[in-house]
Amino acid sequence: MAAADGNALHVPVLLETCVELLAPALTDGALLIDCTLGMGGHTEAFLSRFPNIRVAGIDRDPQAIELASERLAHFGDRFIPVRATYDAVGQVACEFGKDGLADAILMDLGVSSLQLDETERGFSYAHDAPLDMRMDASAHGTAADILASASAGEIAHILHRYGEEKFAKKIAARIVRQRETQPITRTGELVEIVRESIPAAARRTGGNPAKRTFQALRVAVNNELGVLEAAVPAAIEALRVGGRLAVESYQSLEDRIVKDAMRIGLVSSTPPGLPVELEDHKPFLVSLTRGAMKADKAEIARNPRSASVRLRAVERTAPTPQHIALNSGENK
């Protein structure tokens, strides 16, 4: 895919809202970390609107790094591409941020437009393709590998845990039966298995019945929830006082992880029953959104992929011992 073609695919979700939420932290010389670079749409907007900041863009997908770097080349060294999973956000802040901390961090979770629309990568249930689903094509273990080696119980657990699929056991049982006679290597084959496993009444509503199965396998192949569980606390810890974090989630499991990680800093950890609040147990975050923000009808009309977004944002209001260590030079 040419860079121009790839760039045209991506419409950043809730772009204006993200800009408004993070803008107060983006003073001259600030470092923004875009943890999910993708095609670089969010990064391009921030670099254009804030001419005196730098953006470090993280992505595990080498094709995304290549295309985004081409798209953003005219920003020179203000754009810093980093090939990694985004739980490396702390290391990126330490390397490129003042005093080892970032001023703002953005996470736009889930699968990118590039990955969805590149048919041969196997993320989409709408086109027949190899059953791959790796965000980093050099990594080991495809979706086909999981379906070939996992037990029926393991497959059912993946589908239920990561896709919240009600018919996980039926789908898993049919997968195991079919692979006994023929390997399952194509997305079209998996779509047909799911369709045959789900009662006809359930297939009539809720869109393509394979959606949840494909989501679950993608999450498993790329360890998305494991990475996210490490990344959100790391991002919070990587923020300077006054720094801001915004996270866009697209499924309930993601949003729950984000919500739980942020809650730790939003409430006091002073043990109940004490007459005073302990200084080092006070909240160190303040919420910038009331719960999770959703896209309005106009946004969804412009960008249908925003229909399921849940946006949460926080500002760091106090240091932690780790921040004190960084600023005192102990970790330099």
C-alpha atoms as a PDB file:
ATOM      1  CA  MET A   1       0.000   0.000   0.000  1.00  0.00           C
ATOM      2  CA  ALA A   2       1.340   3.416  -0.901  1.00  0.00           C
ATOM      3  CA  ALA A   3       1.673   5.959   1.883  1.00  0.00           C
ATOM      4  CA  ALA A   4      -0.874   8.236   0.305  1.00  0.00           C
ATOM      5  CA  ASP A   5      -3.411   5.454   0.132  1.00  0.00           C
ATOM      6  CA  GLY A   6      -2.774   4.448   3.729  1.00  0.00           C
ATOM      7  CA  ASN A   7      -3.032   7.985   5.023  1.00  0.00           C
ATOM      8  CA  ALA A   8      -6.399   8.417   3.384  1.00  0.00           C
ATOM      9  CA  LEU A   9      -7.771   5.481   5.362  1.00  0.00           C
ATOM     10  CA  HIS A  10      -7.458   6.939   8.831  1.00  0.00           C
ATOM     11  CA  VAL A  11      -9.901   9.427  10.305  1.00  0.00           C
ATOM     12  CA  PRO A  12      -8.866  10.171  13.919  1.00  0.00           C
ATOM     13  CA  VAL A  13     -11.652   9.540  16.419  1.00  0.00           C
ATOM     14  CA  LEU A  14     -12.740  12.483  18.641  1.00  0.00           C
ATOM     15  CA  LEU A  15      -9.764  14.501  17.416  1.00  0.00           C
ATOM     16  CA  GLU A  16     -11.042  17.920  18.521  1.00  0.00           C
ATOM     17  CA  THR A  17     -11.968  16.616  21.950  1.00  0.00           C
ATOM     18  CA  CYS A  18      -8.542  15.048  22.425  1.00  0.00           C
ATOM     19  CA  VAL A  19      -6.860  18.293  21.391  1.00  0.00           C
ATOM     20  CA  GLU A  20      -8.962  20.310  23.843  1.00  0.00           C
ATOM     21  CA  LEU A  21      -8.292  17.907  26.710  1.00  0.00           C
ATOM     22  CA  LEU A  22      -4.520  17.769  26.246  1.00  0.00           C
ATOM     23  CA  ALA A  23      -3.878  21.356  25.119  1.00  0.00           C
ATOM     24  CA  PRO A  24      -3.323  22.868  28.606  1.00  0.00           C
ATOM     25  CA  ALA A  25      -0.341  20.541  29.114  1.00  0.00           C
ATOM     26  CA  LEU A  26       1.259  21.334  25.747  1.00  0.00           C
ATOM     27  CA  THR A  27       3.377  24.373  26.525  1.00  0.00           C
ATOM     28  CA  ASP A  28       6.514  25.234  24.537  1.00  0.00           C
ATOM     29  CA  GLY A  29       8.999  22.367  24.535  1.00  0.00           C
ATOM     30  CA  ALA A  30       6.423  19.832  25.711  1.00  0.00           C
ATOM     31  CA  LEU A  31       6.607  16.142  24.854  1.00  0.00           C
ATOM     32  CA  LEU A  32       3.423  14.349  23.801  1.00  0.00           C
ATOM     33  CA  ILE A  33       3.570  10.570  23.554  1.00  0.00           C
ATOM     34  CA  ASP A  34       1.125   9.096  21.044  1.00  0.00           C
ATOM     35  CA  CYS A  35       1.079   5.522  22.326  1.00  0.00           C
ATOM     36  CA  THR A  36      -0.875   4.186  19.356  1.00  0.00           C
ATOM     37  CA  LEU A  37       0.615   5.977  16.356  1.00  0.00           C
ATOM     38  CA  GLY A  38      -1.188   4.042  13.609  1.00  0.00           C
ATOM     39  CA  MET A  39      -1.316   6.149  10.470  1.00  0.00           C
ATOM     40  CA  GLY A  40      -0.260   9.253  12.415  1.00  0.00           C
ATOM     41  CA  GLY A  41      -3.529  11.181  12.177  1.00  0.00           C
ATOM     42  CA  HIS A  42      -3.601  12.314  15.801  1.00  0.00           C
ATOM     43  CA  THR A  43       0.131  13.041  15.799  1.00  0.00           C
ATOM     44  CA  GLU A  44      -0.095  15.141  12.648  1.00  0.00           C
ATOM     45  CA  ALA A  45      -2.882  17.242  14.156  1.00  0.00           C
ATOM     46  CA  PHE A  46      -0.944  17.922  17.357  1.00  0.00           C
ATOM     47  CA  LEU A  47       2.316  18.751  15.568  1.00  0.00           C
ATOM     48  CA  SER A  48       0.450  21.139  13.245  1.00  0.00           C
ATOM     49  CA  ARG A  49      -1.487  22.935  15.977  1.00  0.00           C
ATOM     50  CA  PHE A  50       1.298  23.125  18.550  1.00  0.00           C
ATOM     51  CA  PRO A  51       4.422  24.191  16.604  1.00  0.00           C
ATOM     52  CA  ASN A  52       6.733  24.113  19.619  1.00  0.00           C
ATOM     53  CA  ILE A  53       6.132  20.592  20.874  1.00  0.00           C
ATOM     54  CA  ARG A  54       7.573  17.189  20.012  1.00  0.00           C
ATOM     55  CA  VAL A  55       5.624  13.949  19.599  1.00  0.00           C
ATOM     56  CA  ALA A  56       7.007  10.473  20.190  1.00  0.00           C
ATOM     57  CA  GLY A  57       4.815   8.004  18.308  1.00  0.00           C
ATOM     58  CA  ILE A  58       4.785   4.373  19.446  1.00  0.00           C
ATOM     59  CA  ASP A  59       3.603   1.453  17.325  1.00  0.00           C
ATOM     60  CA  ARG A  60       4.509  -2.227  17.186  1.00  0.00           C
ATOM     61  CA  ASP A  61       3.566  -2.442  13.494  1.00  0.00           C
ATOM     62  CA  PRO A  62       6.611  -1.722  11.291  1.00  0.00           C
ATOM     63  CA  GLN A  63       4.359  -0.828   8.347  1.00  0.00           C
ATOM     64  CA  ALA A  64       2.590   1.802  10.457  1.00  0.00           C
ATOM     65  CA  ILE A  65       5.942   3.237  11.579  1.00  0.00           C
ATOM     66  CA  GLU A  66       7.119   3.424   7.964  1.00  0.00           C
ATOM     67  CA  LEU A  67       3.993   5.067   6.572  1.00  0.00           C
ATOM     68  CA  ALA A  68       3.527   7.467   9.473  1.00  0.00           C
ATOM     69  CA  SER A  69       7.197   8.493   9.288  1.00  0.00           C
ATOM     70  CA  GLU A  70       6.772   9.295   5.603  1.00  0.00           C
ATOM     71  CA  ARG A  71       3.601  11.250   6.297  1.00  0.00           C
ATOM     72  CA  LEU A  72       5.225  13.228   9.129  1.00  0.00           C
ATOM     73  CA  ALA A  73       8.690  13.694   7.619  1.00  0.00           C
ATOM     74  CA  HIS A  74       8.160  17.432   7.067  1.00  0.00           C
ATOM     75  CA  PHE A  75       8.040  17.944  10.847  1.00  0.00           C
ATOM     76  CA  GLY A  76      11.695  16.947  11.065  1.00  0.00           C
ATOM     77  CA  ASP A  77      12.997  15.926  14.481  1.00  0.00           C
ATOM     78  CA  ARG A  78       9.806  17.107  16.176  1.00  0.00           C
ATOM     79  CA  PHE A  79       8.429  13.660  15.354  1.00  0.00           C
ATOM     80  CA  ILE A  80      10.131  10.683  17.004  1.00  0.00           C
ATOM     81  CA  PRO A  81       9.042   7.229  15.765  1.00  0.00           C
ATOM     82  CA  VAL A  82       9.383   4.384  18.265  1.00  0.00           C
ATOM     83  CA  ARG A  83       8.743   0.769  17.303  1.00  0.00           C
ATOM     84  CA  ALA A  84       7.526  -0.940  20.468  1.00  0.00           C
ATOM     85  CA  THR A  85       4.390  -1.997  22.288  1.00  0.00           C
ATOM     86  CA  TYR A  86       2.909   0.944  24.141  1.00  0.00           C
ATOM     87  CA  ASP A  87       3.591  -0.456  27.593  1.00  0.00           C
ATOM     88  CA  ALA A  88       7.080   0.952  26.870  1.00  0.00           C
ATOM     89  CA  VAL A  89       5.638   4.441  27.436  1.00  0.00           C
ATOM     90  CA  GLY A  90       7.692   4.899  30.604  1.00  0.00           C
ATOM     91  CA  GLN A  91      10.968   4.178  28.817  1.00  0.00           C
ATOM     92  CA  VAL A  92       9.995   6.545  25.997  1.00  0.00           C
ATOM     93  CA  ALA A  93       9.216   9.327  28.480  1.00  0.00           C
ATOM     94  CA  CYS A  94      12.489   8.686  30.293  1.00  0.00           C
ATOM     95  CA  GLU A  95      14.487   8.898  27.052  1.00  0.00           C
ATOM     96  CA  PHE A  96      12.836  11.884  25.388  1.00  0.00           C
ATOM     97  CA  GLY A  97      11.045  13.879  28.110  1.00  0.00           C
ATOM     98  CA  LYS A  98      12.388  16.628  30.330  1.00  0.00           C
ATOM     99  CA  ASP A  99      13.373  15.085  33.675  1.00  0.00           C
ATOM    100  CA  GLY A 100      12.307  11.739  32.240  1.00  0.00           C
ATOM    101  CA  LEU A 101       8.614  12.627  32.197  1.00  0.00           C
ATOM    102  CA  ALA A 102       6.002  13.335  29.518  1.00  0.00           C
ATOM    103  CA  ASP A 103       3.713  16.369  29.372  1.00  0.00           C
ATOM    104  CA  ALA A 104       0.811  14.601  27.686  1.00  0.00           C
ATOM    105  CA  ILE A 105      -0.005  11.049  26.622  1.00  0.00           C
ATOM    106  CA  LEU A 106      -2.642   9.815  24.178  1.00  0.00           C
ATOM    107  CA  MET A 107      -3.858   6.245  23.666  1.00  0.00           C
ATOM    108  CA  ASP A 108      -6.287   5.371  20.861  1.00  0.00           C
ATOM    109  CA  LEU A 109      -6.794   1.675  21.491  1.00  0.00           C
ATOM    110  CA  GLY A 110      -7.875  -1.254  19.342  1.00  0.00           C
ATOM    111  CA  VAL A 111      -7.097  -2.176  15.777  1.00  0.00           C
ATOM    112  CA  SER A 112      -6.067   0.609  13.412  1.00  0.00           C
ATOM    113  CA  SER A 113      -7.639   1.503  10.089  1.00  0.00           C
ATOM    114  CA  LEU A 114      -4.474   0.348   8.338  1.00  0.00           C
ATOM    115  CA  GLN A 115      -4.763  -3.120   9.841  1.00  0.00           C
ATOM    116  CA  LEU A 116      -8.500  -3.434   9.262  1.00  0.00           C
ATOM    117  CA  ASP A 117      -8.356  -2.307   5.668  1.00  0.00           C
ATOM    118  CA  GLU A 118      -5.277  -4.340   4.684  1.00  0.00           C
ATOM    119  CA  THR A 119      -7.260  -7.425   3.676  1.00  0.00           C
ATOM    120  CA  GLU A 120      -4.332  -9.840   3.640  1.00  0.00           C
ATOM    121  CA  ARG A 121      -3.581  -9.247   7.325  1.00  0.00           C
ATOM    122  CA  GLY A 122      -6.704 -11.151   8.307  1.00  0.00           C
ATOM    123  CA  PHE A 123      -8.230  -8.720  10.802  1.00  0.00           C
ATOM    124  CA  SER A 124     -11.514  -8.319   8.954  1.00  0.00           C
ATOM    125  CA  TYR A 125     -14.384 -10.806   8.832  1.00  0.00           C
ATOM    126  CA  ALA A 126     -15.707  -9.016   5.732  1.00  0.00           C
ATOM    127  CA  HIS A 127     -13.022 -10.368   3.349  1.00  0.00           C
ATOM    128  CA  ASP A 128     -11.489 -13.796   2.888  1.00  0.00           C
ATOM    129  CA  ALA A 129      -7.793 -13.737   3.771  1.00  0.00           C
ATOM    130  CA  PRO A 130      -5.123 -15.689   5.666  1.00  0.00           C
ATOM    131  CA  LEU A 131      -6.104 -16.034   9.340  1.00  0.00           C
ATOM    132  CA  ASP A 132      -3.204 -13.959  10.694  1.00  0.00           C
ATOM    133  CA  MET A 133      -4.213 -10.948  12.897  1.00  0.00           C
ATOM    134  CA  ARG A 134      -0.685 -10.074  14.061  1.00  0.00           C
ATOM    135  CA  MET A 135      -0.130  -6.355  14.549  1.00  0.00           C
ATOM    136  CA  ASP A 136       3.594  -7.049  14.171  1.00  0.00           C
ATOM    137  CA  ALA A 137       4.002  -9.475  11.283  1.00  0.00           C
ATOM    138  CA  SER A 138       7.429 -10.540  12.600  1.00  0.00           C
ATOM    139  CA  ALA A 139       5.934 -11.797  15.869  1.00  0.00           C
ATOM    140  CA  HIS A 140       5.274 -15.472  16.486  1.00  0.00           C
ATOM    141  CA  GLY A 141       1.796 -16.988  16.618  1.00  0.00           C
ATOM    142  CA  THR A 142      -1.111 -16.208  14.314  1.00  0.00           C
ATOM    143  CA  ALA A 143      -4.834 -16.653  14.844  1.00  0.00           C
ATOM    144  CA  ALA A 144      -4.600 -19.811  12.726  1.00  0.00           C
ATOM    145  CA  ASP A 145      -1.932 -21.144  15.091  1.00  0.00           C
ATOM    146  CA  ILE A 146      -4.239 -20.659  18.077  1.00  0.00           C
ATOM    147  CA  LEU A 147      -7.112 -22.453  16.358  1.00  0.00           C
ATOM    148  CA  ALA A 148      -4.784 -25.307  15.365  1.00  0.00           C
ATOM    149  CA  SER A 149      -3.239 -25.946  18.789  1.00  0.00           C
ATOM    150  CA  ALA A 150      -5.520 -24.715  21.580  1.00  0.00           C
ATOM    151  CA  SER A 151      -7.992 -27.061  23.253  1.00  0.00           C
ATOM    152  CA  ALA A 152     -11.731 -26.513  22.970  1.00  0.00           C
ATOM    153  CA  GLY A 153     -11.730 -25.158  26.519  1.00  0.00           C
ATOM    154  CA  GLU A 154      -8.913 -22.725  25.788  1.00  0.00           C
ATOM    155  CA  ILE A 155     -10.611 -21.468  22.629  1.00  0.00           C
ATOM    156  CA  ALA A 156     -13.926 -21.064  24.443  1.00  0.00           C
ATOM    157  CA  HIS A 157     -12.172 -19.118  27.205  1.00  0.00           C
ATOM    158  CA  ILE A 158     -10.597 -16.760  24.648  1.00  0.00           C
ATOM    159  CA  LEU A 159     -13.909 -16.150  22.888  1.00  0.00           C
ATOM    160  CA  HIS A 160     -15.823 -15.591  26.117  1.00  0.00           C
ATOM    161  CA  ARG A 161     -13.155 -13.566  27.955  1.00  0.00           C
ATOM    162  CA  TYR A 162     -12.017 -11.311  25.123  1.00  0.00           C
ATOM    163  CA  GLY A 163     -15.089 -11.247  22.908  1.00  0.00           C
ATOM    164  CA  GLU A 164     -17.882 -11.720  25.448  1.00  0.00           C
ATOM    165  CA  GLU A 165     -19.273 -14.308  23.046  1.00  0.00           C
ATOM    166  CA  LYS A 166     -22.349 -16.085  24.464  1.00  0.00           C
ATOM    167  CA  PHE A 167     -21.919 -19.082  22.159  1.00  0.00           C
ATOM    168  CA  ALA A 168     -18.191 -19.525  22.831  1.00  0.00           C
ATOM    169  CA  LYS A 169     -18.433 -23.214  23.750  1.00  0.00           C
ATOM    170  CA  LYS A 170     -20.436 -24.099  20.632  1.00  0.00           C
ATOM    171  CA  ILE A 171     -18.040 -22.199  18.355  1.00  0.00           C
ATOM    172  CA  ALA A 172     -14.994 -23.760  20.021  1.00  0.00           C
ATOM    173  CA  ALA A 173     -16.430 -27.268  19.725  1.00  0.00           C
ATOM    174  CA  ARG A 174     -17.116 -26.800  16.005  1.00  0.00           C
ATOM    175  CA  ILE A 175     -13.603 -25.412  15.453  1.00  0.00           C
ATOM    176  CA  VAL A 176     -12.063 -28.495  17.070  1.00  0.00           C
ATOM    177  CA  ARG A 177     -14.285 -30.862  15.052  1.00  0.00           C
ATOM    178  CA  GLN A 178     -13.453 -29.162  11.769  1.00  0.00           C
ATOM    179  CA  ARG A 179      -9.705 -29.014  12.319  1.00  0.00           C
ATOM    180  CA  GLU A 180      -9.645 -32.795  12.730  1.00  0.00           C
ATOM    181  CA  THR A 181     -10.294 -33.101   8.992  1.00  0.00           C
ATOM    182  CA  GLN A 182      -8.962 -29.797   7.636  1.00  0.00           C
ATOM    183  CA  PRO A 183      -6.807 -26.983   9.079  1.00  0.00           C
ATOM    184  CA  ILE A 184      -8.605 -23.659   9.545  1.00  0.00           C
ATOM    185  CA  THR A 185      -6.373 -21.121   7.820  1.00  0.00           C
ATOM    186  CA  ARG A 186      -8.712 -18.556   6.209  1.00  0.00           C
ATOM    187  CA  THR A 187     -10.947 -15.867   7.671  1.00  0.00           C
ATOM    188  CA  GLY A 188     -13.795 -17.011   5.432  1.00  0.00           C
ATOM    189  CA  GLU A 189     -13.625 -20.485   6.940  1.00  0.00           C
ATOM    190  CA  LEU A 190     -13.848 -19.073  10.457  1.00  0.00           C
ATOM    191  CA  VAL A 191     -16.776 -16.830   9.539  1.00  0.00           C
ATOM    192  CA  GLU A 192     -18.667 -19.878   8.240  1.00  0.00           C
ATOM    193  CA  ILE A 193     -17.900 -21.872  11.400  1.00  0.00           C
ATOM    194  CA  VAL A 194     -19.242 -19.075  13.576  1.00  0.00           C
ATOM    195  CA  ARG A 195     -22.346 -18.689  11.430  1.00  0.00           C
ATOM    196  CA  GLU A 196     -23.096 -22.413  11.678  1.00  0.00           C
ATOM    197  CA  SER A 197     -22.523 -22.429  15.445  1.00  0.00           C
ATOM    198  CA  ILE A 198     -24.918 -19.630  16.352  1.00  0.00           C
ATOM    199  CA  PRO A 199     -28.710 -20.115  16.393  1.00  0.00           C
ATOM    200  CA  ALA A 200     -30.513 -18.506  13.487  1.00  0.00           C
ATOM    201  CA  ALA A 201     -32.452 -16.137  15.752  1.00  0.00           C
ATOM    202  CA  ALA A 202     -29.206 -14.766  17.214  1.00  0.00           C
ATOM    203  CA  ARG A 203     -27.774 -14.191  13.730  1.00  0.00           C
ATOM    204  CA  ARG A 204     -30.554 -11.773  12.783  1.00  0.00           C
ATOM    205  CA  THR A 205     -29.467  -8.952  15.105  1.00  0.00           C
ATOM    206  CA  GLY A 206     -26.260  -7.289  16.223  1.00  0.00           C
ATOM    207  CA  GLY A 207     -24.385  -7.166  12.937  1.00  0.00           C
ATOM    208  CA  ASN A 208     -22.019  -9.834  11.659  1.00  0.00           C
ATOM    209  CA  PRO A 209     -22.076 -12.774  14.111  1.00  0.00           C
ATOM    210  CA  ALA A 210     -18.315 -13.291  13.637  1.00  0.00           C
ATOM    211  CA  LYS A 211     -17.458  -9.841  15.032  1.00  0.00           C
ATOM    212  CA  ARG A 212     -16.944 -10.992  18.633  1.00  0.00           C
ATOM    213  CA  THR A 213     -14.912 -14.047  17.640  1.00  0.00           C
ATOM    214  CA  PHE A 214     -12.572 -11.985  15.471  1.00  0.00           C
ATOM    215  CA  GLN A 215     -12.177  -9.394  18.223  1.00  0.00           C
ATOM    216  CA  ALA A 216     -11.333 -12.082  20.765  1.00  0.00           C
ATOM    217  CA  LEU A 217      -8.736 -13.777  18.576  1.00  0.00           C
ATOM    218  CA  ARG A 218      -7.107 -10.452  17.710  1.00  0.00           C
ATOM    219  CA  VAL A 219      -6.843  -9.554  21.376  1.00  0.00           C
ATOM    220  CA  ALA A 220      -5.349 -12.958  22.183  1.00  0.00           C
ATOM    221  CA  VAL A 221      -2.869 -12.975  19.294  1.00  0.00           C
ATOM    222  CA  ASN A 222      -1.513  -9.552  20.254  1.00  0.00           C
ATOM    223  CA  ASN A 223      -1.873  -9.819  24.055  1.00  0.00           C
ATOM    224  CA  GLU A 224      -3.742  -6.522  23.881  1.00  0.00           C
ATOM    225  CA  LEU A 225      -5.258  -6.574  27.348  1.00  0.00           C
ATOM    226  CA  GLY A 226      -1.990  -7.641  28.959  1.00  0.00           C
ATOM    227  CA  VAL A 227      -0.189  -4.770  27.277  1.00  0.00           C
ATOM    228  CA  LEU A 228      -2.962  -2.350  28.260  1.00  0.00           C
ATOM    229  CA  GLU A 229      -2.935  -3.473  31.902  1.00  0.00           C
ATOM    230  CA  ALA A 230       0.766  -2.574  32.055  1.00  0.00           C
ATOM    231  CA  ALA A 231       0.543   0.525  29.854  1.00  0.00           C
ATOM    232  CA  VAL A 232      -2.058   2.645  31.664  1.00  0.00           C
ATOM    233  CA  PRO A 233      -0.312   2.611  35.073  1.00  0.00           C
ATOM    234  CA  ALA A 234       3.011   3.187  33.296  1.00  0.00           C
ATOM    235  CA  ALA A 235       1.545   6.178  31.431  1.00  0.00           C
ATOM    236  CA  ILE A 236       0.170   7.689  34.645  1.00  0.00           C
ATOM    237  CA  GLU A 237       3.558   7.265  36.308  1.00  0.00           C
ATOM    238  CA  ALA A 238       5.303   8.819  33.286  1.00  0.00           C
ATOM    239  CA  LEU A 239       3.346  12.092  33.518  1.00  0.00           C
ATOM    240  CA  ARG A 240       4.800  15.220  35.073  1.00  0.00           C
ATOM    241  CA  VAL A 241       2.690  17.117  37.580  1.00  0.00           C
ATOM    242  CA  GLY A 242       0.253  19.067  35.414  1.00  0.00           C
ATOM    243  CA  GLY A 243       0.553  16.473  32.664  1.00  0.00           C
ATOM    244  CA  ARG A 244      -2.508  14.917  31.074  1.00  0.00           C
ATOM    245  CA  LEU A 245      -3.504  11.461  29.816  1.00  0.00           C
ATOM    246  CA  ALA A 246      -6.373  10.716  27.400  1.00  0.00           C
ATOM    247  CA  VAL A 247      -7.401   7.159  26.510  1.00  0.00           C
ATOM    248  CA  GLU A 248      -9.895   6.115  23.828  1.00  0.00           C
ATOM    249  CA  SER A 249     -11.309   2.592  24.299  1.00  0.00           C
ATOM    250  CA  TYR A 250     -13.593   0.661  21.967  1.00  0.00           C
ATOM    251  CA  GLN A 251     -14.786  -2.292  24.020  1.00  0.00           C
ATOM    252  CA  SER A 252     -15.928  -2.783  27.591  1.00  0.00           C
ATOM    253  CA  LEU A 253     -12.897  -4.847  28.628  1.00  0.00           C
ATOM    254  CA  GLU A 254     -10.523  -2.086  27.562  1.00  0.00           C
ATOM    255  CA  ASP A 255     -12.576   0.624  29.239  1.00  0.00           C
ATOM    256  CA  ARG A 256     -12.748  -1.341  32.482  1.00  0.00           C
ATOM    257  CA  ILE A 257      -8.946  -1.646  32.620  1.00  0.00           C
ATOM    258  CA  VAL A 258      -8.544   2.079  31.941  1.00  0.00           C
ATOM    259  CA  LYS A 259     -11.181   3.015  34.519  1.00  0.00           C
ATOM    260  CA  ASP A 260      -9.661   0.798  37.213  1.00  0.00           C
ATOM    261  CA  ALA A 261      -6.113   2.081  36.620  1.00  0.00           C
ATOM    262  CA  MET A 262      -7.219   5.711  36.769  1.00  0.00           C
ATOM    263  CA  ARG A 263      -9.365   5.143  39.868  1.00  0.00           C
ATOM    264  CA  ILE A 264      -6.263   4.326  41.929  1.00  0.00           C
ATOM    265  CA  GLY A 265      -5.044   7.896  41.536  1.00  0.00           C
ATOM    266  CA  LEU A 266      -8.461   9.542  41.749  1.00  0.00           C
ATOM    267  CA  VAL A 267      -9.315   8.442  45.294  1.00  0.00           C
ATOM    268  CA  SER A 268      -7.542   8.610  48.628  1.00  0.00           C
ATOM    269  CA  SER A 269      -5.716   5.483  49.769  1.00  0.00           C
ATOM    270  CA  THR A 270      -5.747   6.547  53.436  1.00  0.00           C
ATOM    271  CA  PRO A 271      -7.008   3.577  55.487  1.00  0.00           C
ATOM    272  CA  PRO A 272     -10.596   4.075  56.647  1.00  0.00           C
ATOM    273  CA  GLY A 273     -11.040   5.193  60.237  1.00  0.00           C
ATOM    274  CA  LEU A 274      -8.020   7.459  60.478  1.00  0.00           C
ATOM    275  CA  PRO A 275      -8.852  10.982  61.753  1.00  0.00           C
ATOM    276  CA  VAL A 276      -6.772  12.717  59.042  1.00  0.00           C
ATOM    277  CA  GLU A 277      -5.876  12.002  55.447  1.00  0.00           C
ATOM    278  CA  LEU A 278      -2.272  10.897  55.118  1.00  0.00           C
ATOM    279  CA  GLU A 279      -0.263  13.229  52.900  1.00  0.00           C
ATOM    280  CA  ASP A 280       1.267  10.505  50.754  1.00  0.00           C
ATOM    281  CA  HIS A 281      -2.129   8.791  50.374  1.00  0.00           C
ATOM    282  CA  LYS A 282      -4.003  11.722  48.884  1.00  0.00           C
ATOM    283  CA  PRO A 283      -5.350  11.490  45.301  1.00  0.00           C
ATOM    284  CA  PHE A 284      -2.764  12.400  42.696  1.00  0.00           C
ATOM    285  CA  LEU A 285      -5.092  12.544  39.680  1.00  0.00           C
ATOM    286  CA  VAL A 286      -8.151  14.609  38.800  1.00  0.00           C
ATOM    287  CA  SER A 287     -10.664  13.493  36.180  1.00  0.00           C
ATOM    288  CA  LEU A 288     -11.116  15.698  33.114  1.00  0.00           C
ATOM    289  CA  THR A 289     -14.185  13.818  31.899  1.00  0.00           C
ATOM    290  CA  ARG A 290     -17.423  12.902  33.653  1.00  0.00           C
ATOM    291  CA  GLY A 291     -17.206   9.161  33.367  1.00  0.00           C
ATOM    292  CA  ALA A 292     -16.475   8.004  29.834  1.00  0.00           C
ATOM    293  CA  MET A 293     -17.231  10.450  27.018  1.00  0.00           C
ATOM    294  CA  LYS A 294     -18.968   9.103  23.920  1.00  0.00           C
ATOM    295  CA  ALA A 295     -19.117  10.372  20.357  1.00  0.00           C
ATOM    296  CA  ASP A 296     -22.171  12.420  19.452  1.00  0.00           C
ATOM    297  CA  LYS A 297     -24.355  11.758  16.424  1.00  0.00           C
ATOM    298  CA  ALA A 298     -22.444  14.226  14.253  1.00  0.00           C
ATOM    299  CA  GLU A 299     -19.120  12.560  15.040  1.00  0.00           C
ATOM    300  CA  ILE A 300     -20.534   9.109  14.329  1.00  0.00           C
ATOM    301  CA  ALA A 301     -21.945  10.331  11.013  1.00  0.00           C
ATOM    302  CA  ARG A 302     -18.508  11.671  10.023  1.00  0.00           C
ATOM    303  CA  ASN A 303     -16.639   8.635  11.295  1.00  0.00           C
ATOM    304  CA  PRO A 304     -18.672   5.440  11.902  1.00  0.00           C
ATOM    305  CA  ARG A 305     -15.734   3.862  13.743  1.00  0.00           C
ATOM    306  CA  SER A 306     -16.325   6.323  16.588  1.00  0.00           C
ATOM    307  CA  ALA A 307     -19.669   4.706  17.474  1.00  0.00           C
ATOM    308  CA  SER A 308     -18.190   2.513  20.207  1.00  0.00           C
ATOM    309  CA  VAL A 309     -15.536   4.897  21.572  1.00  0.00           C
ATOM    310  CA  ARG A 310     -15.261   5.622  25.306  1.00  0.00           C
ATOM    311  CA  LEU A 311     -12.889   8.475  26.165  1.00  0.00           C
ATOM    312  CA  ARG A 312     -11.445   9.039  29.641  1.00  0.00           C
ATOM    313  CA  ALA A 313      -8.884  11.686  30.593  1.00  0.00           C
ATOM    314  CA  VAL A 314      -7.041  12.671  33.766  1.00  0.00           C
ATOM    315  CA  GLU A 315      -4.528  15.269  34.925  1.00  0.00           C
ATOM    316  CA  ARG A 316      -1.728  14.510  37.392  1.00  0.00           C
ATOM    317  CA  THR A 317      -1.930  16.903  40.327  1.00  0.00           C
ATOM    318  CA  ALA A 318       0.766  15.597  42.663  1.00  0.00           C
ATOM    319  CA  PRO A 319       4.061  13.711  42.476  1.00  0.00           C
ATOM    320  CA  THR A 320       4.721  10.170  43.631  1.00  0.00           C
ATOM    321  CA  PRO A 321       7.952   8.766  45.102  1.00  0.00           C
ATOM    322  CA  GLN A 322       8.935   7.668  41.588  1.00  0.00           C
ATOM    323  CA  HIS A 323       8.597  11.238  40.332  1.00  0.00           C
ATOM    324  CA  ILE A 324      10.686  12.547  43.201  1.00  0.00           C
ATOM    325  CA  ALA A 325      13.384   9.997  42.395  1.00  0.00           C
ATOM    326  CA  LEU A 326      13.399  11.002  38.728  1.00  0.00           C
ATOM    327  CA  ASN A 327      13.626  14.718  39.456  1.00  0.00           C
ATOM    328  CA  SER A 328      16.367  14.244  42.044  1.00  0.00           C
ATOM    329  CA  GLY A 329      18.476  12.471  39.446  1.00  0.00           C
ATOM    330  CA  GLU A 330      18.427   9.034  41.085  1.00  0.00           C
ATOM    331  CA  ASN A 331      17.314   7.314  37.868  1.00  0.00           C
ATOM    332  CA  LYS A 332      19.500   9.290  35.460  1.00  0.00           C
END
